[in-house]
Amino acid sequence: ESTLTVTGTLWRALAAQPALGLEALALGVAAALLPLALARGPWGIAAYGSACLAATLVPAPEISPVPLVLAIWATCGLLAARPYLPALRAALTRHRSTGSAPSSTPA
């Protein structure tokens, strides 16, 4: 399709649901601020998550909050766990290289 057709369709969708445009803007700003939050450590990540929740849920209360909350929690959880992931990966690699299966305790 032509660029004008796609642009017109997107414009009509945004005009019909202005909350969609606000959500897109909020998520774009959140993506731009992500490196800043990472540089601030765990508290920066917590502030980032809080700001994301406020920016996406307050302007559009008619949108279901569950997907946004779960996505932001998962993002912040993974970002907070990021410093520990190399050690976890190394431990899993060592475990696999030994060829041992996890021990199970008899019942």
C-alpha atoms as a PDB file:
ATOM      1  CA  GLU A   1       0.000   0.000   0.000  1.00  0.00           C
ATOM      2  CA  SER A   2       1.058   3.564  -0.445  1.00  0.00           C
ATOM      3  CA  THR A   3       2.566   5.610   2.345  1.00  0.00           C
ATOM      4  CA  LEU A   4      -0.330   8.050   2.246  1.00  0.00           C
ATOM      5  CA  THR A   5      -2.882   5.260   2.627  1.00  0.00           C
ATOM      6  CA  VAL A   6      -1.084   3.817   5.649  1.00  0.00           C
ATOM      7  CA  THR A   7      -0.600   7.271   7.188  1.00  0.00           C
ATOM      8  CA  GLY A   8      -4.280   8.062   6.717  1.00  0.00           C
ATOM      9  CA  THR A   9      -5.333   4.789   8.301  1.00  0.00           C
ATOM     10  CA  LEU A  10      -3.060   5.369  11.305  1.00  0.00           C
ATOM     11  CA  TRP A  11      -4.288   8.933  11.689  1.00  0.00           C
ATOM     12  CA  ARG A  12      -7.944   7.815  11.681  1.00  0.00           C
ATOM     13  CA  ALA A  13      -7.176   5.121  14.283  1.00  0.00           C
ATOM     14  CA  LEU A  14      -5.468   7.665  16.523  1.00  0.00           C
ATOM     15  CA  ALA A  15      -8.319  10.133  16.068  1.00  0.00           C
ATOM     16  CA  ALA A  16     -10.841   7.454  17.021  1.00  0.00           C
ATOM     17  CA  GLN A  17      -8.848   6.385  20.101  1.00  0.00           C
ATOM     18  CA  PRO A  18      -6.697   9.226  21.436  1.00  0.00           C
ATOM     19  CA  ALA A  19      -5.596   7.057  24.362  1.00  0.00           C
ATOM     20  CA  LEU A  20      -3.701   4.899  21.877  1.00  0.00           C
ATOM     21  CA  GLY A  21      -1.549   7.862  20.883  1.00  0.00           C
ATOM     22  CA  LEU A  22      -0.887   8.737  24.529  1.00  0.00           C
ATOM     23  CA  GLU A  23       0.151   5.158  25.249  1.00  0.00           C
ATOM     24  CA  ALA A  24       2.502   5.123  22.270  1.00  0.00           C
ATOM     25  CA  LEU A  25       4.041   8.419  23.356  1.00  0.00           C
ATOM     26  CA  ALA A  26       4.464   7.216  26.958  1.00  0.00           C
ATOM     27  CA  LEU A  27       6.093   3.963  25.859  1.00  0.00           C
ATOM     28  CA  GLY A  28       8.403   5.818  23.474  1.00  0.00           C
ATOM     29  CA  VAL A  29       9.543   8.154  26.247  1.00  0.00           C
ATOM     30  CA  ALA A  30       9.985   5.141  28.555  1.00  0.00           C
ATOM     31  CA  ALA A  31      12.199   3.453  25.979  1.00  0.00           C
ATOM     32  CA  ALA A  32      14.300   6.589  25.632  1.00  0.00           C
ATOM     33  CA  LEU A  33      14.743   6.863  29.423  1.00  0.00           C
ATOM     34  CA  LEU A  34      15.697   3.222  29.937  1.00  0.00           C
ATOM     35  CA  PRO A  35      19.500   3.773  29.773  1.00  0.00           C
ATOM     36  CA  LEU A  36      19.183   6.537  32.361  1.00  0.00           C
ATOM     37  CA  ALA A  37      17.300   4.207  34.717  1.00  0.00           C
ATOM     38  CA  LEU A  38      19.903   1.468  34.271  1.00  0.00           C
ATOM     39  CA  ALA A  39      22.698   3.872  35.155  1.00  0.00           C
ATOM     40  CA  ARG A  40      20.972   4.671  38.458  1.00  0.00           C
ATOM     41  CA  GLY A  41      20.913   1.057  39.673  1.00  0.00           C
ATOM     42  CA  PRO A  42      18.048  -0.719  41.462  1.00  0.00           C
ATOM     43  CA  TRP A  43      16.437   2.479  42.727  1.00  0.00           C
ATOM     44  CA  GLY A  44      16.567   3.965  39.255  1.00  0.00           C
ATOM     45  CA  ILE A  45      14.873   0.857  37.897  1.00  0.00           C
ATOM     46  CA  ALA A  46      12.193   1.083  40.600  1.00  0.00           C
ATOM     47  CA  ALA A  47      11.580   4.749  39.783  1.00  0.00           C
ATOM     48  CA  TYR A  48      11.479   3.883  36.089  1.00  0.00           C
ATOM     49  CA  GLY A  49       8.834   1.214  36.708  1.00  0.00           C
ATOM     50  CA  SER A  50       6.731   3.563  38.821  1.00  0.00           C
ATOM     51  CA  ALA A  51       6.965   6.316  36.233  1.00  0.00           C
ATOM     52  CA  CYS A  52       6.049   3.895  33.441  1.00  0.00           C
ATOM     53  CA  LEU A  53       3.005   2.685  35.354  1.00  0.00           C
ATOM     54  CA  ALA A  54       1.860   6.225  36.056  1.00  0.00           C
ATOM     55  CA  ALA A  55       2.508   7.433  32.510  1.00  0.00           C
ATOM     56  CA  THR A  56       0.639   4.567  30.895  1.00  0.00           C
ATOM     57  CA  LEU A  57      -2.254   4.001  33.301  1.00  0.00           C
ATOM     58  CA  VAL A  58      -3.277   7.496  34.435  1.00  0.00           C
ATOM     59  CA  PRO A  59      -3.979   9.110  31.036  1.00  0.00           C
ATOM     60  CA  ALA A  60      -5.969   6.133  29.735  1.00  0.00           C
ATOM     61  CA  PRO A  61      -8.042   4.554  32.514  1.00  0.00           C
ATOM     62  CA  GLU A  62     -10.259   2.769  29.985  1.00  0.00           C
ATOM     63  CA  ILE A  63      -7.369   0.546  28.892  1.00  0.00           C
ATOM     64  CA  SER A  64      -6.974  -2.749  30.734  1.00  0.00           C
ATOM     65  CA  PRO A  65      -4.086  -2.337  33.181  1.00  0.00           C
ATOM     66  CA  VAL A  66      -3.133  -6.023  33.460  1.00  0.00           C
ATOM     67  CA  PRO A  67      -0.959  -6.354  30.312  1.00  0.00           C
ATOM     68  CA  LEU A  68       0.833  -3.068  30.984  1.00  0.00           C
ATOM     69  CA  VAL A  69       1.485  -3.874  34.646  1.00  0.00           C
ATOM     70  CA  LEU A  70       2.766  -7.367  33.848  1.00  0.00           C
ATOM     71  CA  ALA A  71       5.022  -6.095  31.072  1.00  0.00           C
ATOM     72  CA  ILE A  72       6.483  -3.319  33.213  1.00  0.00           C
ATOM     73  CA  TRP A  73       7.002  -5.658  36.194  1.00  0.00           C
ATOM     74  CA  ALA A  74       8.731  -8.203  33.964  1.00  0.00           C
ATOM     75  CA  THR A  75      10.915  -5.504  32.407  1.00  0.00           C
ATOM     76  CA  CYS A  76      11.949  -4.081  35.772  1.00  0.00           C
ATOM     77  CA  GLY A  77      12.510  -7.532  37.250  1.00  0.00           C
ATOM     78  CA  LEU A  78      14.805  -8.533  34.413  1.00  0.00           C
ATOM     79  CA  LEU A  79      16.632  -5.219  34.548  1.00  0.00           C
ATOM     80  CA  ALA A  80      17.173  -5.590  38.294  1.00  0.00           C
ATOM     81  CA  ALA A  81      18.413  -9.179  37.828  1.00  0.00           C
ATOM     82  CA  ARG A  82      20.749  -8.186  35.006  1.00  0.00           C
ATOM     83  CA  PRO A  83      23.915  -7.954  37.176  1.00  0.00           C
ATOM     84  CA  TYR A  84      23.335 -11.522  38.409  1.00  0.00           C
ATOM     85  CA  LEU A  85      22.696 -13.121  35.018  1.00  0.00           C
ATOM     86  CA  PRO A  86      26.369 -13.774  34.061  1.00  0.00           C
ATOM     87  CA  ALA A  87      26.958 -15.681  37.321  1.00  0.00           C
ATOM     88  CA  LEU A  88      23.781 -17.680  36.771  1.00  0.00           C
ATOM     89  CA  ARG A  89      24.807 -18.465  33.197  1.00  0.00           C
ATOM     90  CA  ALA A  90      28.272 -19.604  34.371  1.00  0.00           C
ATOM     91  CA  ALA A  91      26.735 -21.839  37.046  1.00  0.00           C
ATOM     92  CA  LEU A  92      24.377 -23.426  34.524  1.00  0.00           C
ATOM     93  CA  THR A  93      27.234 -23.976  32.083  1.00  0.00           C
ATOM     94  CA  ARG A  94      29.317 -25.658  34.796  1.00  0.00           C
ATOM     95  CA  HIS A  95      26.366 -27.825  35.751  1.00  0.00           C
ATOM     96  CA  ARG A  96      25.805 -28.907  32.145  1.00  0.00           C
ATOM     97  CA  SER A  97      29.477 -29.641  31.558  1.00  0.00           C
ATOM     98  CA  THR A  98      29.618 -32.031  34.528  1.00  0.00           C
ATOM     99  CA  GLY A  99      26.796 -34.046  33.001  1.00  0.00           C
ATOM    100  CA  SER A 100      25.150 -34.560  36.351  1.00  0.00           C
ATOM    101  CA  ALA A 101      21.445 -34.569  36.679  1.00  0.00           C
ATOM    102  CA  PRO A 102      19.849 -32.708  39.554  1.00  0.00           C
ATOM    103  CA  SER A 103      19.658 -34.944  42.579  1.00  0.00           C
ATOM    104  CA  SER A 104      16.273 -35.982  43.805  1.00  0.00           C
ATOM    105  CA  THR A 105      15.464 -36.983  47.304  1.00  0.00           C
ATOM    106  CA  PRO A 106      13.493 -40.178  47.783  1.00  0.00           C
ATOM    107  CA  ALA A 107      10.078 -39.772  49.283  1.00  0.00           C
END
